[in-house]
Amino acid sequence: MAETIHIGRKIGRIRELRGIKQEFLASELGVSQQSISRIEQSETVEEDKLQQIAQVLGVTAEAIKNFSEEAVFNYFNNFHDNSSGDFRQHCTFNPIDKIVELYDEKVALLERLLQSEREKVELLKSK
């Protein structure tokens, strides 16, 4: 039996999973909470409105269209209790490495900015 695509329900479920209240979504979209309630009860949503909702929810419109409650449960049910506290197989990168990488990029950017400002000052002095 083919799954009925009910975009409104998918929006509501993703919103709940992300911990976002209807009031917040309404505020971000500039509509009333009742409008969000009606959207979540609608089987279809206009593409431009879906894009706006997706942006607020932090997902893509395609993610909303393809959302499956079963897939979410399968994802979480695939975590195994190792009892060793070693969950590295679930993390594809080291968050600390990412922080260090971002910090290094920021430092390099600031150094380039400082060098640019020094060059401007030298240029003004030479005139």
PDB file of N, CA and C in Angstrom:
ATOM      1  N   MET A   1       0.844  -1.183   0.000  1.00  0.00           N
ATOM      2  CA  MET A   1       0.000   0.000   0.000  1.00  0.00           C
ATOM      3  C   MET A   1       0.885   1.240   0.000  1.00  0.00           C
ATOM      4  N   ALA A   2       0.666   2.138  -0.901  1.00  0.00           N
ATOM      5  CA  ALA A   2       1.490   3.339  -1.030  1.00  0.00           C
ATOM      6  C   ALA A   2       1.207   4.302   0.121  1.00  0.00           C
ATOM      7  N   GLU A   3       2.260   4.919   0.625  1.00  0.00           N
ATOM      8  CA  GLU A   3       2.128   5.878   1.713  1.00  0.00           C
ATOM      9  C   GLU A   3       1.543   7.180   1.173  1.00  0.00           C
ATOM     10  N   THR A   4       0.532   7.687   1.865  1.00  0.00           N
ATOM     11  CA  THR A   4      -0.064   8.957   1.477  1.00  0.00           C
ATOM     12  C   THR A   4       0.885  10.074   1.878  1.00  0.00           C
ATOM     13  N   ILE A   5       1.147  10.970   0.953  1.00  0.00           N
ATOM     14  CA  ILE A   5       2.011  12.104   1.253  1.00  0.00           C
ATOM     15  C   ILE A   5       1.139  13.194   1.846  1.00  0.00           C
ATOM     16  N   HIS A   6       1.274  13.417   3.129  1.00  0.00           N
ATOM     17  CA  HIS A   6       0.517  14.454   3.836  1.00  0.00           C
ATOM     18  C   HIS A   6       1.556  15.426   4.378  1.00  0.00           C
ATOM     19  N   ILE A   7       1.873  16.435   3.580  1.00  0.00           N
ATOM     20  CA  ILE A   7       2.959  17.364   3.906  1.00  0.00           C
ATOM     21  C   ILE A   7       2.726  18.041   5.253  1.00  0.00           C
ATOM     22  N   GLY A   8       1.498  18.417   5.544  1.00  0.00           N
ATOM     23  CA  GLY A   8       1.196  19.091   6.801  1.00  0.00           C
ATOM     24  C   GLY A   8       1.587  18.268   8.018  1.00  0.00           C
ATOM     25  N   ARG A   9       1.235  16.983   7.997  1.00  0.00           N
ATOM     26  CA  ARG A   9       1.603  16.104   9.118  1.00  0.00           C
ATOM     27  C   ARG A   9       3.115  15.980   9.237  1.00  0.00           C
ATOM     28  N   LYS A  10       3.784  15.915   8.085  1.00  0.00           N
ATOM     29  CA  LYS A  10       5.245  15.796   8.100  1.00  0.00           C
ATOM     30  C   LYS A  10       5.866  17.063   8.699  1.00  0.00           C
ATOM     31  N   ILE A  11       5.338  18.217   8.325  1.00  0.00           N
ATOM     32  CA  ILE A  11       5.830  19.480   8.889  1.00  0.00           C
ATOM     33  C   ILE A  11       5.647  19.471  10.401  1.00  0.00           C
ATOM     34  N   GLY A  12       4.451  19.075  10.851  1.00  0.00           N
ATOM     35  CA  GLY A  12       4.164  19.040  12.285  1.00  0.00           C
ATOM     36  C   GLY A  12       5.090  18.095  13.032  1.00  0.00           C
ATOM     37  N   ARG A  13       5.340  16.929  12.456  1.00  0.00           N
ATOM     38  CA  ARG A  13       6.180  15.940  13.143  1.00  0.00           C
ATOM     39  C   ARG A  13       7.633  16.406  13.195  1.00  0.00           C
ATOM     40  N   ILE A  14       8.125  16.972  12.093  1.00  0.00           N
ATOM     41  CA  ILE A  14       9.507  17.486  12.096  1.00  0.00           C
ATOM     42  C   ILE A  14       9.625  18.630  13.090  1.00  0.00           C
ATOM     43  N   ARG A  15       8.628  19.487  13.123  1.00  0.00           N
ATOM     44  CA  ARG A  15       8.629  20.612  14.069  1.00  0.00           C
ATOM     45  C   ARG A  15       8.715  20.078  15.497  1.00  0.00           C
ATOM     46  N   GLU A  16       7.914  19.061  15.803  1.00  0.00           N
ATOM     47  CA  GLU A  16       7.932  18.476  17.153  1.00  0.00           C
ATOM     48  C   GLU A  16       9.283  17.843  17.466  1.00  0.00           C
ATOM     49  N   LEU A  17       9.821  17.103  16.515  1.00  0.00           N
ATOM     50  CA  LEU A  17      11.115  16.453  16.731  1.00  0.00           C
ATOM     51  C   LEU A  17      12.238  17.466  16.928  1.00  0.00           C
ATOM     52  N   ARG A  18      12.115  18.615  16.298  1.00  0.00           N
ATOM     53  CA  ARG A  18      13.123  19.671  16.443  1.00  0.00           C
ATOM     54  C   ARG A  18      12.880  20.516  17.692  1.00  0.00           C
ATOM     55  N   GLY A  19      11.774  20.257  18.411  1.00  0.00           N
ATOM     56  CA  GLY A  19      11.489  20.994  19.643  1.00  0.00           C
ATOM     57  C   GLY A  19      11.017  22.415  19.389  1.00  0.00           C
ATOM     58  N   ILE A  20      10.367  22.628  18.246  1.00  0.00           N
ATOM     59  CA  ILE A  20       9.893  23.960  17.874  1.00  0.00           C
ATOM     60  C   ILE A  20       8.389  24.032  18.073  1.00  0.00           C
ATOM     61  N   LYS A  21       7.928  25.073  18.714  1.00  0.00           N
ATOM     62  CA  LYS A  21       6.498  25.257  18.942  1.00  0.00           C
ATOM     63  C   LYS A  21       5.857  25.937  17.744  1.00  0.00           C
ATOM     64  N   GLN A  22       4.551  25.704  17.590  1.00  0.00           N
ATOM     65  CA  GLN A  22       3.814  26.345  16.506  1.00  0.00           C
ATOM     66  C   GLN A  22       3.935  27.861  16.589  1.00  0.00           C
ATOM     67  N   GLU A  23       3.920  28.393  17.796  1.00  0.00           N
ATOM     68  CA  GLU A  23       3.993  29.842  17.984  1.00  0.00           C
ATOM     69  C   GLU A  23       5.297  30.405  17.435  1.00  0.00           C
ATOM     70  N   PHE A  24       6.396  29.691  17.676  1.00  0.00           N
ATOM     71  CA  PHE A  24       7.693  30.150  17.175  1.00  0.00           C
ATOM     72  C   PHE A  24       7.718  30.112  15.650  1.00  0.00           C
ATOM     73  N   LEU A  25       7.257  29.004  15.086  1.00  0.00           N
ATOM     74  CA  LEU A  25       7.224  28.873  13.626  1.00  0.00           C
ATOM     75  C   LEU A  25       6.362  29.977  13.029  1.00  0.00           C
ATOM     76  N   ALA A  26       5.222  30.234  13.647  1.00  0.00           N
ATOM     77  CA  ALA A  26       4.324  31.290  13.170  1.00  0.00           C
ATOM     78  C   ALA A  26       5.019  32.644  13.211  1.00  0.00           C
ATOM     79  N   SER A  27       5.689  32.922  14.319  1.00  0.00           N
ATOM     80  CA  SER A  27       6.389  34.196  14.478  1.00  0.00           C
ATOM     81  C   SER A  27       7.466  34.370  13.408  1.00  0.00           C
ATOM     82  N   GLU A  28       8.239  33.318  13.150  1.00  0.00           N
ATOM     83  CA  GLU A  28       9.309  33.382  12.154  1.00  0.00           C
ATOM     84  C   GLU A  28       8.760  33.585  10.740  1.00  0.00           C
ATOM     85  N   LEU A  29       7.561  33.064  10.485  1.00  0.00           N
ATOM     86  CA  LEU A  29       6.965  33.173   9.150  1.00  0.00           C
ATOM     87  C   LEU A  29       6.059  34.387   9.014  1.00  0.00           C
ATOM     88  N   GLY A  30       5.808  35.081  10.140  1.00  0.00           N
ATOM     89  CA  GLY A  30       4.957  36.262  10.100  1.00  0.00           C
ATOM     90  C   GLY A  30       3.490  35.937   9.910  1.00  0.00           C
ATOM     91  N   VAL A  31       3.072  34.792  10.456  1.00  0.00           N
ATOM     92  CA  VAL A  31       1.668  34.389  10.375  1.00  0.00           C
ATOM     93  C   VAL A  31       1.168  34.052  11.774  1.00  0.00           C
ATOM     94  N   SER A  32      -0.106  33.733  11.903  1.00  0.00           N
ATOM     95  CA  SER A  32      -0.663  33.384  13.208  1.00  0.00           C
ATOM     96  C   SER A  32      -0.419  31.907  13.519  1.00  0.00           C
ATOM     97  N   GLN A  33      -0.527  31.575  14.786  1.00  0.00           N
ATOM     98  CA  GLN A  33      -0.392  30.184  15.203  1.00  0.00           C
ATOM     99  C   GLN A  33      -1.493  29.344  14.563  1.00  0.00           C
ATOM    100  N   GLN A  34      -2.669  29.926  14.387  1.00  0.00           N
ATOM    101  CA  GLN A  34      -3.779  29.208  13.756  1.00  0.00           C
ATOM    102  C   GLN A  34      -3.442  28.856  12.305  1.00  0.00           C
ATOM    103  N   SER A  35      -2.700  29.735  11.635  1.00  0.00           N
ATOM    104  CA  SER A  35      -2.274  29.450  10.253  1.00  0.00           C
ATOM    105  C   SER A  35      -1.357  28.233  10.215  1.00  0.00           C
ATOM    106  N   ILE A  36      -0.455  28.144  11.186  1.00  0.00           N
ATOM    107  CA  ILE A  36       0.445  26.984  11.251  1.00  0.00           C
ATOM    108  C   ILE A  36      -0.368  25.724  11.505  1.00  0.00           C
ATOM    109  N   SER A  37      -1.343  25.819  12.383  1.00  0.00           N
ATOM    110  CA  SER A  37      -2.213  24.678  12.671  1.00  0.00           C
ATOM    111  C   SER A  37      -2.931  24.220  11.400  1.00  0.00           C
ATOM    112  N   ARG A  38      -3.432  25.172  10.615  1.00  0.00           N
ATOM    113  CA  ARG A  38      -4.113  24.832   9.360  1.00  0.00           C
ATOM    114  C   ARG A  38      -3.140  24.199   8.362  1.00  0.00           C
ATOM    115  N   ILE A  39      -1.925  24.736   8.298  1.00  0.00           N
ATOM    116  CA  ILE A  39      -0.911  24.169   7.391  1.00  0.00           C
ATOM    117  C   ILE A  39      -0.636  22.718   7.774  1.00  0.00           C
ATOM    118  N   GLU A  40      -0.497  22.461   9.078  1.00  0.00           N
ATOM    119  CA  GLU A  40      -0.181  21.112   9.532  1.00  0.00           C
ATOM    120  C   GLU A  40      -1.344  20.148   9.325  1.00  0.00           C
ATOM    121  N   GLN A  41      -2.529  20.674   9.111  1.00  0.00           N
ATOM    122  CA  GLN A  41      -3.683  19.829   8.821  1.00  0.00           C
ATOM    123  C   GLN A  41      -3.903  19.657   7.324  1.00  0.00           C
ATOM    124  N   SER A  42      -3.150  20.416   6.523  1.00  0.00           N
ATOM    125  CA  SER A  42      -3.308  20.379   5.063  1.00  0.00           C
ATOM    126  C   SER A  42      -2.501  19.242   4.460  1.00  0.00           C
ATOM    127  N   GLU A  43      -3.092  18.628   3.453  1.00  0.00           N
ATOM    128  CA  GLU A  43      -2.401  17.551   2.768  1.00  0.00           C
ATOM    129  C   GLU A  43      -1.308  18.089   1.845  1.00  0.00           C
ATOM    130  N   THR A  44      -1.520  19.312   1.332  1.00  0.00           N
ATOM    131  CA  THR A  44      -0.531  19.927   0.445  1.00  0.00           C
ATOM    132  C   THR A  44      -0.191  21.326   0.955  1.00  0.00           C
ATOM    133  N   VAL A  45       0.976  21.797   0.577  1.00  0.00           N
ATOM    134  CA  VAL A  45       1.437  23.139   0.945  1.00  0.00           C
ATOM    135  C   VAL A  45       2.104  23.727  -0.291  1.00  0.00           C
ATOM    136  N   GLU A  46       1.847  25.010  -0.548  1.00  0.00           N
ATOM    137  CA  GLU A  46       2.474  25.669  -1.694  1.00  0.00           C
ATOM    138  C   GLU A  46       3.995  25.587  -1.572  1.00  0.00           C
ATOM    139  N   GLU A  47       4.652  25.444  -2.717  1.00  0.00           N
ATOM    140  CA  GLU A  47       6.102  25.228  -2.735  1.00  0.00           C
ATOM    141  C   GLU A  47       6.874  26.353  -2.052  1.00  0.00           C
ATOM    142  N   ASP A  48       6.495  27.616  -2.315  1.00  0.00           N
ATOM    143  CA  ASP A  48       7.233  28.722  -1.697  1.00  0.00           C
ATOM    144  C   ASP A  48       7.042  28.742  -0.186  1.00  0.00           C
ATOM    145  N   LYS A  49       5.855  28.419   0.278  1.00  0.00           N
ATOM    146  CA  LYS A  49       5.594  28.359   1.724  1.00  0.00           C
ATOM    147  C   LYS A  49       6.369  27.195   2.335  1.00  0.00           C
ATOM    148  N   LEU A  50       6.431  26.073   1.617  1.00  0.00           N
ATOM    149  CA  LEU A  50       7.177  24.906   2.083  1.00  0.00           C
ATOM    150  C   LEU A  50       8.662  25.250   2.224  1.00  0.00           C
ATOM    151  N   GLN A  51       9.197  26.008   1.278  1.00  0.00           N
ATOM    152  CA  GLN A  51      10.599  26.431   1.348  1.00  0.00           C
ATOM    153  C   GLN A  51      10.841  27.280   2.595  1.00  0.00           C
ATOM    154  N   GLN A  52       9.939  28.209   2.870  1.00  0.00           N
ATOM    155  CA  GLN A  52      10.070  29.084   4.046  1.00  0.00           C
ATOM    156  C   GLN A  52      10.012  28.267   5.331  1.00  0.00           C
ATOM    157  N   ILE A  53       9.063  27.343   5.402  1.00  0.00           N
ATOM    158  CA  ILE A  53       8.914  26.499   6.590  1.00  0.00           C
ATOM    159  C   ILE A  53      10.167  25.653   6.782  1.00  0.00           C
ATOM    160  N   ALA A  54      10.652  25.076   5.695  1.00  0.00           N
ATOM    161  CA  ALA A  54      11.850  24.234   5.757  1.00  0.00           C
ATOM    162  C   ALA A  54      13.032  25.020   6.306  1.00  0.00           C
ATOM    163  N   GLN A  55      13.178  26.258   5.861  1.00  0.00           N
ATOM    164  CA  GLN A  55      14.295  27.086   6.327  1.00  0.00           C
ATOM    165  C   GLN A  55      14.215  27.310   7.834  1.00  0.00           C
ATOM    166  N   VAL A  56      13.019  27.614   8.338  1.00  0.00           N
ATOM    167  CA  VAL A  56      12.853  27.838   9.779  1.00  0.00           C
ATOM    168  C   VAL A  56      13.114  26.549  10.555  1.00  0.00           C
ATOM    169  N   LEU A  57      12.690  25.411   9.997  1.00  0.00           N
ATOM    170  CA  LEU A  57      12.878  24.130  10.682  1.00  0.00           C
ATOM    171  C   LEU A  57      14.314  23.620  10.570  1.00  0.00           C
ATOM    172  N   GLY A  58      15.113  24.269   9.714  1.00  0.00           N
ATOM    173  CA  GLY A  58      16.511  23.861   9.570  1.00  0.00           C
ATOM    174  C   GLY A  58      16.685  22.611   8.732  1.00  0.00           C
ATOM    175  N   VAL A  59      15.756  22.386   7.801  1.00  0.00           N
ATOM    176  CA  VAL A  59      15.838  21.244   6.902  1.00  0.00           C
ATOM    177  C   VAL A  59      15.558  21.741   5.487  1.00  0.00           C
ATOM    178  N   THR A  60      15.644  20.851   4.512  1.00  0.00           N
ATOM    179  CA  THR A  60      15.294  21.217   3.149  1.00  0.00           C
ATOM    180  C   THR A  60      13.841  20.852   2.879  1.00  0.00           C
ATOM    181  N   ALA A  61      13.282  21.451   1.840  1.00  0.00           N
ATOM    182  CA  ALA A  61      11.913  21.110   1.443  1.00  0.00           C
ATOM    183  C   ALA A  61      11.857  19.636   1.048  1.00  0.00           C
ATOM    184  N   GLU A  62      12.917  19.145   0.413  1.00  0.00           N
ATOM    185  CA  GLU A  62      12.973  17.728   0.031  1.00  0.00           C
ATOM    186  C   GLU A  62      12.944  16.831   1.264  1.00  0.00           C
ATOM    187  N   ALA A  63      13.617  17.262   2.329  1.00  0.00           N
ATOM    188  CA  ALA A  63      13.619  16.467   3.564  1.00  0.00           C
ATOM    189  C   ALA A  63      12.208  16.368   4.122  1.00  0.00           C
ATOM    190  N   ILE A  64      11.454  17.446   4.035  1.00  0.00           N
ATOM    191  CA  ILE A  64      10.063  17.404   4.508  1.00  0.00           C
ATOM    192  C   ILE A  64       9.261  16.452   3.632  1.00  0.00           C
ATOM    193  N   LYS A  65       9.396  16.587   2.320  1.00  0.00           N
ATOM    194  CA  LYS A  65       8.626  15.734   1.403  1.00  0.00           C
ATOM    195  C   LYS A  65       8.953  14.257   1.598  1.00  0.00           C
ATOM    196  N   ASN A  66      10.217  13.956   1.879  1.00  0.00           N
ATOM    197  CA  ASN A  66      10.658  12.566   2.000  1.00  0.00           C
ATOM    198  C   ASN A  66      10.660  12.046   3.429  1.00  0.00           C
ATOM    199  N   PHE A  67      10.224  12.876   4.378  1.00  0.00           N
ATOM    200  CA  PHE A  67      10.247  12.481   5.785  1.00  0.00           C
ATOM    201  C   PHE A  67       9.416  11.228   6.004  1.00  0.00           C
ATOM    202  N   SER A  68       9.956  10.329   6.788  1.00  0.00           N
ATOM    203  CA  SER A  68       9.263   9.094   7.127  1.00  0.00           C
ATOM    204  C   SER A  68       9.464   8.818   8.610  1.00  0.00           C
ATOM    205  N   GLU A  69       8.357   8.697   9.317  1.00  0.00           N
ATOM    206  CA  GLU A  69       8.406   8.374  10.749  1.00  0.00           C
ATOM    207  C   GLU A  69       9.139   7.053  10.950  1.00  0.00           C
ATOM    208  N   GLU A  70       8.892   6.103  10.068  1.00  0.00           N
ATOM    209  CA  GLU A  70       9.523   4.792  10.167  1.00  0.00           C
ATOM    210  C   GLU A  70      11.041   4.902  10.048  1.00  0.00           C
ATOM    211  N   ALA A  71      11.505   5.758   9.140  1.00  0.00           N
ATOM    212  CA  ALA A  71      12.951   5.936   8.955  1.00  0.00           C
ATOM    213  C   ALA A  71      13.589   6.517  10.215  1.00  0.00           C
ATOM    214  N   VAL A  72      12.891   7.444  10.872  1.00  0.00           N
ATOM    215  CA  VAL A  72      13.418   8.031  12.111  1.00  0.00           C
ATOM    216  C   VAL A  72      13.565   6.961  13.177  1.00  0.00           C
ATOM    217  N   PHE A  73      12.524   6.143  13.339  1.00  0.00           N
ATOM    218  CA  PHE A  73      12.582   5.088  14.354  1.00  0.00           C
ATOM    219  C   PHE A  73      13.634   4.046  14.013  1.00  0.00           C
ATOM    220  N   ASN A  74      13.753   3.712  12.737  1.00  0.00           N
ATOM    221  CA  ASN A  74      14.795   2.764  12.337  1.00  0.00           C
ATOM    222  C   ASN A  74      16.176   3.316  12.637  1.00  0.00           C
ATOM    223  N   TYR A  75      16.374   4.596  12.413  1.00  0.00           N
ATOM    224  CA  TYR A  75      17.661   5.231  12.688  1.00  0.00           C
ATOM    225  C   TYR A  75      18.011   5.091  14.158  1.00  0.00           C
ATOM    226  N   PHE A  76      17.065   5.452  15.033  1.00  0.00           N
ATOM    227  CA  PHE A  76      17.349   5.398  16.463  1.00  0.00           C
ATOM    228  C   PHE A  76      17.406   3.972  16.984  1.00  0.00           C
ATOM    229  N   ASN A  77      16.675   3.072  16.392  1.00  0.00           N
ATOM    230  CA  ASN A  77      16.715   1.679  16.832  1.00  0.00           C
ATOM    231  C   ASN A  77      17.998   0.980  16.418  1.00  0.00           C
ATOM    232  N   ASN A  78      18.762   1.572  15.520  1.00  0.00           N
ATOM    233  CA  ASN A  78      20.017   0.974  15.093  1.00  0.00           C
ATOM    234  C   ASN A  78      21.187   1.319  16.002  1.00  0.00           C
ATOM    235  N   PHE A  79      20.965   2.177  17.001  1.00  0.00           N
ATOM    236  CA  PHE A  79      22.002   2.437  17.987  1.00  0.00           C
ATOM    237  C   PHE A  79      22.031   1.250  18.945  1.00  0.00           C
ATOM    238  N   HIS A  80      23.201   0.710  19.157  1.00  0.00           N
ATOM    239  CA  HIS A  80      23.329  -0.459  20.022  1.00  0.00           C
ATOM    240  C   HIS A  80      23.974  -0.055  21.335  1.00  0.00           C
ATOM    241  N   ASP A  81      23.547  -0.695  22.418  1.00  0.00           N
ATOM    242  CA  ASP A  81      24.125  -0.418  23.723  1.00  0.00           C
ATOM    243  C   ASP A  81      25.399  -1.226  23.873  1.00  0.00           C
ATOM    244  N   ASN A  82      26.525  -0.557  23.765  1.00  0.00           N
ATOM    245  CA  ASN A  82      27.808  -1.235  23.904  1.00  0.00           C
ATOM    246  C   ASN A  82      28.230  -1.370  25.354  1.00  0.00           C
ATOM    247  N   SER A  83      27.611  -0.606  26.229  1.00  0.00           N
ATOM    248  CA  SER A  83      27.935  -0.575  27.657  1.00  0.00           C
ATOM    249  C   SER A  83      29.381  -0.200  27.914  1.00  0.00           C
ATOM    250  N   SER A  84      30.142   0.079  26.895  1.00  0.00           N
ATOM    251  CA  SER A  84      31.523   0.480  27.094  1.00  0.00           C
ATOM    252  C   SER A  84      31.662   1.997  27.045  1.00  0.00           C
ATOM    253  N   GLY A  85      30.583   2.669  26.626  1.00  0.00           N
ATOM    254  CA  GLY A  85      30.636   4.122  26.522  1.00  0.00           C
ATOM    255  C   GLY A  85      31.369   4.587  25.279  1.00  0.00           C
ATOM    256  N   ASP A  86      31.729   3.667  24.400  1.00  0.00           N
ATOM    257  CA  ASP A  86      32.459   4.021  23.184  1.00  0.00           C
ATOM    258  C   ASP A  86      31.476   4.157  22.029  1.00  0.00           C
ATOM    259  N   PHE A  87      31.148   5.402  21.672  1.00  0.00           N
ATOM    260  CA  PHE A  87      30.167   5.638  20.621  1.00  0.00           C
ATOM    261  C   PHE A  87      30.821   6.249  19.383  1.00  0.00           C
ATOM    262  N   ARG A  88      32.123   6.098  19.254  1.00  0.00           N
ATOM    263  CA  ARG A  88      32.834   6.727  18.148  1.00  0.00           C
ATOM    264  C   ARG A  88      32.360   6.262  16.783  1.00  0.00           C
ATOM    265  N   GLN A  89      31.837   5.046  16.679  1.00  0.00           N
ATOM    266  CA  GLN A  89      31.405   4.577  15.366  1.00  0.00           C
ATOM    267  C   GLN A  89      30.219   5.377  14.838  1.00  0.00           C
ATOM    268  N   HIS A  90      29.542   6.153  15.690  1.00  0.00           N
ATOM    269  CA  HIS A  90      28.394   6.939  15.251  1.00  0.00           C
ATOM    270  C   HIS A  90      28.784   8.361  14.846  1.00  0.00           C
ATOM    271  N   CYS A  91      29.988   8.773  15.170  1.00  0.00           N
ATOM    272  CA  CYS A  91      30.426  10.130  14.869  1.00  0.00           C
ATOM    273  C   CYS A  91      31.393  10.080  13.694  1.00  0.00           C
ATOM    274  N   THR A  92      31.087  10.839  12.650  1.00  0.00           N
ATOM    275  CA  THR A  92      31.931  10.781  11.461  1.00  0.00           C
ATOM    276  C   THR A  92      33.084  11.775  11.492  1.00  0.00           C
ATOM    277  N   PHE A  93      33.117  12.635  12.518  1.00  0.00           N
ATOM    278  CA  PHE A  93      34.218  13.585  12.645  1.00  0.00           C
ATOM    279  C   PHE A  93      34.387  13.929  14.117  1.00  0.00           C
ATOM    280  N   ASN A  94      35.546  14.454  14.446  1.00  0.00           N
ATOM    281  CA  ASN A  94      35.815  14.869  15.815  1.00  0.00           C
ATOM    282  C   ASN A  94      35.403  16.335  15.961  1.00  0.00           C
ATOM    283  N   PRO A  95      34.422  16.619  16.806  1.00  0.00           N
ATOM    284  CA  PRO A  95      33.957  18.000  16.957  1.00  0.00           C
ATOM    285  C   PRO A  95      35.064  18.953  17.398  1.00  0.00           C
ATOM    286  N   ILE A  96      35.986  18.485  18.206  1.00  0.00           N
ATOM    287  CA  ILE A  96      37.091  19.336  18.661  1.00  0.00           C
ATOM    288  C   ILE A  96      37.949  19.746  17.465  1.00  0.00           C
ATOM    289  N   ASP A  97      38.196  18.802  16.552  1.00  0.00           N
ATOM    290  CA  ASP A  97      38.963  19.123  15.351  1.00  0.00           C
ATOM    291  C   ASP A  97      38.268  20.200  14.539  1.00  0.00           C
ATOM    292  N   LYS A  98      36.951  20.118  14.435  1.00  0.00           N
ATOM    293  CA  LYS A  98      36.190  21.125  13.692  1.00  0.00           C
ATOM    294  C   LYS A  98      36.314  22.495  14.356  1.00  0.00           C
ATOM    295  N   ILE A  99      36.259  22.542  15.668  1.00  0.00           N
ATOM    296  CA  ILE A  99      36.388  23.811  16.395  1.00  0.00           C
ATOM    297  C   ILE A  99      37.763  24.408  16.152  1.00  0.00           C
ATOM    298  N   VAL A 100      38.802  23.575  16.242  1.00  0.00           N
ATOM    299  CA  VAL A 100      40.170  24.043  16.005  1.00  0.00           C
ATOM    300  C   VAL A 100      40.305  24.540  14.571  1.00  0.00           C
ATOM    301  N   GLU A 101      39.728  23.810  13.627  1.00  0.00           N
ATOM    302  CA  GLU A 101      39.785  24.210  12.221  1.00  0.00           C
ATOM    303  C   GLU A 101      39.113  25.574  12.015  1.00  0.00           C
ATOM    304  N   LEU A 102      37.944  25.768  12.607  1.00  0.00           N
ATOM    305  CA  LEU A 102      37.246  27.048  12.496  1.00  0.00           C
ATOM    306  C   LEU A 102      38.039  28.174  13.142  1.00  0.00           C
ATOM    307  N   TYR A 103      38.657  27.893  14.294  1.00  0.00           N
ATOM    308  CA  TYR A 103      39.469  28.890  14.980  1.00  0.00           C
ATOM    309  C   TYR A 103      40.656  29.299  14.108  1.00  0.00           C
ATOM    310  N   ASP A 104      41.333  28.298  13.515  1.00  0.00           N
ATOM    311  CA  ASP A 104      42.478  28.590  12.650  1.00  0.00           C
ATOM    312  C   ASP A 104      42.060  29.427  11.447  1.00  0.00           C
ATOM    313  N   GLU A 105      40.891  29.108  10.868  1.00  0.00           N
ATOM    314  CA  GLU A 105      40.390  29.895   9.735  1.00  0.00           C
ATOM    315  C   GLU A 105      40.117  31.337  10.169  1.00  0.00           C
ATOM    316  N   LYS A 106      39.567  31.496  11.358  1.00  0.00           N
ATOM    317  CA  LYS A 106      39.263  32.837  11.868  1.00  0.00           C
ATOM    318  C   LYS A 106      40.553  33.630  12.080  1.00  0.00           C
ATOM    319  N   VAL A 107      41.549  33.005  12.650  1.00  0.00           N
ATOM    320  CA  VAL A 107      42.833  33.671  12.875  1.00  0.00           C
ATOM    321  C   VAL A 107      43.450  34.088  11.543  1.00  0.00           C
ATOM    322  N   ALA A 108      43.427  33.195  10.562  1.00  0.00           N
ATOM    323  CA  ALA A 108      43.997  33.515   9.252  1.00  0.00           C
ATOM    324  C   ALA A 108      43.246  34.680   8.611  1.00  0.00           C
ATOM    325  N   LEU A 109      41.937  34.673   8.726  1.00  0.00           N
ATOM    326  CA  LEU A 109      41.132  35.754   8.174  1.00  0.00           C
ATOM    327  C   LEU A 109      41.465  37.085   8.844  1.00  0.00           C
ATOM    328  N   LEU A 110      41.575  37.076  10.160  1.00  0.00           N
ATOM    329  CA  LEU A 110      41.911  38.300  10.888  1.00  0.00           C
ATOM    330  C   LEU A 110      43.312  38.797  10.533  1.00  0.00           C
ATOM    331  N   GLU A 111      44.252  37.867  10.336  1.00  0.00           N
ATOM    332  CA  GLU A 111      45.602  38.264   9.932  1.00  0.00           C
ATOM    333  C   GLU A 111      45.590  38.911   8.548  1.00  0.00           C
ATOM    334  N   ARG A 112      44.800  38.363   7.622  1.00  0.00           N
ATOM    335  CA  ARG A 112      44.693  38.962   6.288  1.00  0.00           C
ATOM    336  C   ARG A 112      44.060  40.337   6.371  1.00  0.00           C
ATOM    337  N   LEU A 113      43.061  40.485   7.217  1.00  0.00           N
ATOM    338  CA  LEU A 113      42.397  41.776   7.391  1.00  0.00           C
ATOM    339  C   LEU A 113      43.371  42.797   7.975  1.00  0.00           C
ATOM    340  N   LEU A 114      44.125  42.390   8.973  1.00  0.00           N
ATOM    341  CA  LEU A 114      45.112  43.270   9.586  1.00  0.00           C
ATOM    342  C   LEU A 114      46.181  43.682   8.563  1.00  0.00           C
ATOM    343  N   GLN A 115      46.647  42.736   7.768  1.00  0.00           N
ATOM    344  CA  GLN A 115      47.638  43.047   6.747  1.00  0.00           C
ATOM    345  C   GLN A 115      47.079  44.037   5.727  1.00  0.00           C
ATOM    346  N   SER A 116      45.833  43.854   5.351  1.00  0.00           N
ATOM    347  CA  SER A 116      45.187  44.768   4.411  1.00  0.00           C
ATOM    348  C   SER A 116      45.116  46.180   4.994  1.00  0.00           C
ATOM    349  N   GLU A 117      44.780  46.290   6.259  1.00  0.00           N
ATOM    350  CA  GLU A 117      44.709  47.596   6.913  1.00  0.00           C
ATOM    351  C   GLU A 117      46.091  48.237   6.997  1.00  0.00           C
ATOM    352  N   ARG A 118      47.117  47.434   7.274  1.00  0.00           N
ATOM    353  CA  ARG A 118      48.488  47.956   7.317  1.00  0.00           C
ATOM    354  C   ARG A 118      48.897  48.506   5.952  1.00  0.00           C
ATOM    355  N   GLU A 119      48.527  47.782   4.903  1.00  0.00           N
ATOM    356  CA  GLU A 119      48.849  48.233   3.556  1.00  0.00           C
ATOM    357  C   GLU A 119      48.146  49.550   3.245  1.00  0.00           C
ATOM    358  N   LYS A 120      46.926  49.708   3.704  1.00  0.00           N
ATOM    359  CA  LYS A 120      46.198  50.963   3.495  1.00  0.00           C
ATOM    360  C   LYS A 120      46.901  52.114   4.197  1.00  0.00           C
ATOM    361  N   VAL A 121      47.334  51.860   5.442  1.00  0.00           N
ATOM    362  CA  VAL A 121      48.014  52.905   6.211  1.00  0.00           C
ATOM    363  C   VAL A 121      49.318  53.279   5.508  1.00  0.00           C
ATOM    364  N   GLU A 122      50.100  52.302   5.047  1.00  0.00           N
ATOM    365  CA  GLU A 122      51.352  52.573   4.349  1.00  0.00           C
ATOM    366  C   GLU A 122      51.098  53.379   3.080  1.00  0.00           C
ATOM    367  N   LEU A 123      50.034  53.042   2.377  1.00  0.00           N
ATOM    368  CA  LEU A 123      49.683  53.745   1.153  1.00  0.00           C
ATOM    369  C   LEU A 123      49.355  55.206   1.454  1.00  0.00           C
ATOM    370  N   LEU A 124      48.613  55.432   2.535  1.00  0.00           N
ATOM    371  CA  LEU A 124      48.256  56.808   2.912  1.00  0.00           C
ATOM    372  C   LEU A 124      49.494  57.597   3.375  1.00  0.00           C
ATOM    373  N   LYS A 125      50.411  56.943   4.062  1.00  0.00           N
ATOM    374  CA  LYS A 125      51.635  57.611   4.507  1.00  0.00           C
ATOM    375  C   LYS A 125      52.514  58.012   3.330  1.00  0.00           C
ATOM    376  N   SER A 126      52.525  57.201   2.305  1.00  0.00           N
ATOM    377  CA  SER A 126      53.396  57.470   1.160  1.00  0.00           C
ATOM    378  C   SER A 126      52.868  58.588   0.282  1.00  0.00           C
ATOM    379  N   LYS A 127      51.641  59.011   0.455  1.00  0.00           N
ATOM    380  CA  LYS A 127      51.070  60.084  -0.371  1.00  0.00           C
ATOM    381  C   LYS A 127      51.437  61.435   0.125  1.00  0.00           C
TER     382      LYS A 127
END
